[in-house]
Amino acid sequence: MLKPQRVSVKHDYLGEYEEVNQSGFFPGLDPNLLLQYIAMPDQYDAVQEFERVIRHIN
């Protein structure tokens, strides 16, 4: 299984996507935090753990 190296956040600006530093939906979320959950083999466990973590961020 390939492990992702980087996560980027893109914003749709007038029909064009541009990379931004933070999400408008989750402004306090570090996109790199997603990497450890994307790499987890069990999707259910990954989602459960990710939800638990982001509840404490925003």
N, C-alpha and C. Protein backbone atom coordinates (compact mmCIF):
# COMPACT_ATOMS: atom_id res chain seq x y z
N MET A 1 0.83 -1.18 0.00
CA MET A 1 0.00 0.00 0.00
C MET A 1 0.88 1.25 0.00
N LEU A 2 0.57 2.18 -0.88
CA LEU A 2 1.31 3.43 -0.94
C LEU A 2 0.86 4.36 0.18
N LYS A 3 1.81 5.03 0.78
CA LYS A 3 1.49 6.00 1.81
C LYS A 3 1.54 7.39 1.19
N PRO A 4 0.50 8.19 1.39
CA PRO A 4 0.53 9.54 0.85
C PRO A 4 1.63 10.36 1.50
N GLN A 5 2.25 11.23 0.74
CA GLN A 5 3.35 12.05 1.22
C GLN A 5 2.89 13.44 1.65
N ARG A 6 1.82 13.90 1.03
CA ARG A 6 1.41 15.29 1.23
C ARG A 6 -0.09 15.42 0.97
N VAL A 7 -0.73 16.30 1.71
CA VAL A 7 -2.13 16.64 1.49
C VAL A 7 -2.19 18.13 1.18
N SER A 8 -2.95 18.48 0.17
CA SER A 8 -3.12 19.90 -0.12
C SER A 8 -4.60 20.25 -0.09
N VAL A 9 -4.88 21.49 0.25
CA VAL A 9 -6.25 21.99 0.30
C VAL A 9 -6.41 22.97 -0.86
N LYS A 10 -7.47 22.78 -1.61
CA LYS A 10 -7.71 23.64 -2.78
C LYS A 10 -9.03 24.38 -2.59
N HIS A 11 -9.09 25.56 -3.14
CA HIS A 11 -10.27 26.41 -3.07
C HIS A 11 -10.71 26.72 -4.50
N ASP A 12 -12.01 26.60 -4.76
CA ASP A 12 -12.55 26.93 -6.07
C ASP A 12 -12.76 28.45 -6.14
N TYR A 13 -11.95 29.09 -6.94
CA TYR A 13 -12.03 30.54 -7.09
C TYR A 13 -12.35 30.85 -8.54
N LEU A 14 -13.59 31.24 -8.79
CA LEU A 14 -14.05 31.58 -10.14
C LEU A 14 -13.82 30.45 -11.14
N GLY A 15 -14.10 29.23 -10.72
CA GLY A 15 -13.97 28.08 -11.60
C GLY A 15 -12.58 27.51 -11.71
N GLU A 16 -11.63 28.10 -11.05
CA GLU A 16 -10.25 27.62 -11.04
C GLU A 16 -9.89 27.20 -9.62
N TYR A 17 -9.20 26.09 -9.50
CA TYR A 17 -8.76 25.64 -8.18
C TYR A 17 -7.38 26.19 -7.88
N GLU A 18 -7.25 26.73 -6.67
CA GLU A 18 -5.95 27.21 -6.23
C GLU A 18 -5.67 26.64 -4.85
N GLU A 19 -4.41 26.35 -4.60
CA GLU A 19 -4.01 25.79 -3.31
C GLU A 19 -4.04 26.89 -2.25
N VAL A 20 -4.60 26.54 -1.09
CA VAL A 20 -4.66 27.47 0.04
C VAL A 20 -4.01 26.82 1.25
N ASN A 21 -3.70 27.64 2.25
CA ASN A 21 -3.02 27.13 3.44
C ASN A 21 -3.93 26.43 4.43
N GLN A 22 -5.21 26.83 4.45
CA GLN A 22 -6.12 26.20 5.39
C GLN A 22 -7.50 26.06 4.78
N SER A 23 -8.25 25.15 5.32
CA SER A 23 -9.60 24.88 4.86
C SER A 23 -10.54 25.98 5.35
N GLY A 24 -11.48 26.37 4.51
CA GLY A 24 -12.52 27.29 4.95
C GLY A 24 -13.52 26.60 5.85
N PHE A 25 -13.68 25.30 5.67
CA PHE A 25 -14.62 24.51 6.46
C PHE A 25 -14.04 24.15 7.82
N PHE A 26 -12.76 23.79 7.85
CA PHE A 26 -12.04 23.45 9.09
C PHE A 26 -10.79 24.34 9.19
N PRO A 27 -10.95 25.63 9.52
CA PRO A 27 -9.80 26.53 9.51
C PRO A 27 -8.69 26.16 10.49
N GLY A 28 -9.00 25.44 11.56
CA GLY A 28 -7.97 25.08 12.53
C GLY A 28 -7.31 23.75 12.26
N LEU A 29 -7.69 23.08 11.18
CA LEU A 29 -7.19 21.74 10.88
C LEU A 29 -5.91 21.79 10.05
N ASP A 30 -4.88 21.14 10.53
CA ASP A 30 -3.63 21.01 9.78
C ASP A 30 -3.84 19.91 8.74
N PRO A 31 -3.75 20.23 7.44
CA PRO A 31 -3.97 19.21 6.41
C PRO A 31 -3.07 17.99 6.57
N ASN A 32 -1.89 18.17 7.12
CA ASN A 32 -0.98 17.04 7.30
C ASN A 32 -1.47 16.05 8.34
N LEU A 33 -2.38 16.48 9.21
CA LEU A 33 -2.98 15.57 10.18
C LEU A 33 -3.73 14.44 9.46
N LEU A 34 -4.28 14.75 8.31
CA LEU A 34 -5.03 13.75 7.54
C LEU A 34 -4.17 12.57 7.10
N LEU A 35 -2.89 12.80 6.90
CA LEU A 35 -2.02 11.76 6.36
C LEU A 35 -2.06 10.47 7.17
N GLN A 36 -2.03 10.57 8.49
CA GLN A 36 -2.01 9.35 9.29
C GLN A 36 -3.31 8.58 9.18
N TYR A 37 -4.42 9.26 8.93
CA TYR A 37 -5.71 8.57 8.82
C TYR A 37 -5.93 8.02 7.41
N ILE A 38 -5.42 8.71 6.41
CA ILE A 38 -5.52 8.21 5.04
C ILE A 38 -4.75 6.90 4.90
N ALA A 39 -3.65 6.79 5.62
CA ALA A 39 -2.79 5.60 5.52
C ALA A 39 -3.30 4.41 6.33
N MET A 40 -4.31 4.61 7.18
CA MET A 40 -4.80 3.50 8.00
C MET A 40 -5.51 2.47 7.12
N PRO A 41 -5.25 1.19 7.34
CA PRO A 41 -5.85 0.15 6.49
C PRO A 41 -7.35 -0.02 6.69
N ASP A 42 -7.86 0.27 7.87
CA ASP A 42 -9.29 0.10 8.13
C ASP A 42 -9.99 1.46 8.07
N GLN A 43 -10.81 1.64 7.04
CA GLN A 43 -11.47 2.93 6.82
C GLN A 43 -12.38 3.30 7.99
N TYR A 44 -13.11 2.36 8.52
CA TYR A 44 -14.02 2.64 9.64
C TYR A 44 -13.24 3.18 10.83
N ASP A 45 -12.16 2.49 11.20
CA ASP A 45 -11.34 2.95 12.33
C ASP A 45 -10.74 4.32 12.06
N ALA A 46 -10.32 4.55 10.83
CA ALA A 46 -9.71 5.83 10.47
C ALA A 46 -10.71 6.97 10.65
N VAL A 47 -11.92 6.77 10.16
CA VAL A 47 -12.95 7.81 10.28
C VAL A 47 -13.31 8.05 11.74
N GLN A 48 -13.48 6.99 12.50
CA GLN A 48 -13.83 7.13 13.92
C GLN A 48 -12.75 7.92 14.67
N GLU A 49 -11.50 7.58 14.45
CA GLU A 49 -10.40 8.24 15.15
C GLU A 49 -10.25 9.69 14.68
N PHE A 50 -10.39 9.92 13.37
CA PHE A 50 -10.29 11.27 12.84
C PHE A 50 -11.38 12.16 13.42
N GLU A 51 -12.61 11.66 13.48
CA GLU A 51 -13.71 12.43 14.06
C GLU A 51 -13.43 12.76 15.52
N ARG A 52 -12.89 11.81 16.25
CA ARG A 52 -12.58 12.04 17.66
C ARG A 52 -11.56 13.18 17.81
N VAL A 53 -10.55 13.16 16.95
CA VAL A 53 -9.49 14.17 17.02
C VAL A 53 -10.00 15.56 16.62
N ILE A 54 -10.77 15.65 15.53
CA ILE A 54 -11.19 16.98 15.07
C ILE A 54 -12.22 17.61 15.99
N ARG A 55 -12.92 16.83 16.77
CA ARG A 55 -13.85 17.42 17.74
C ARG A 55 -13.12 18.31 18.74
N HIS A 56 -11.87 18.02 18.98
CA HIS A 56 -11.09 18.80 19.93
C HIS A 56 -10.35 19.97 19.29
N ILE A 57 -10.41 20.07 17.96
CA ILE A 57 -9.71 21.14 17.25
C ILE A 57 -10.61 22.36 17.10
N ASN A 58 -11.83 22.14 16.64
CA ASN A 58 -12.75 23.27 16.35
C ASN A 58 -13.77 23.45 17.43
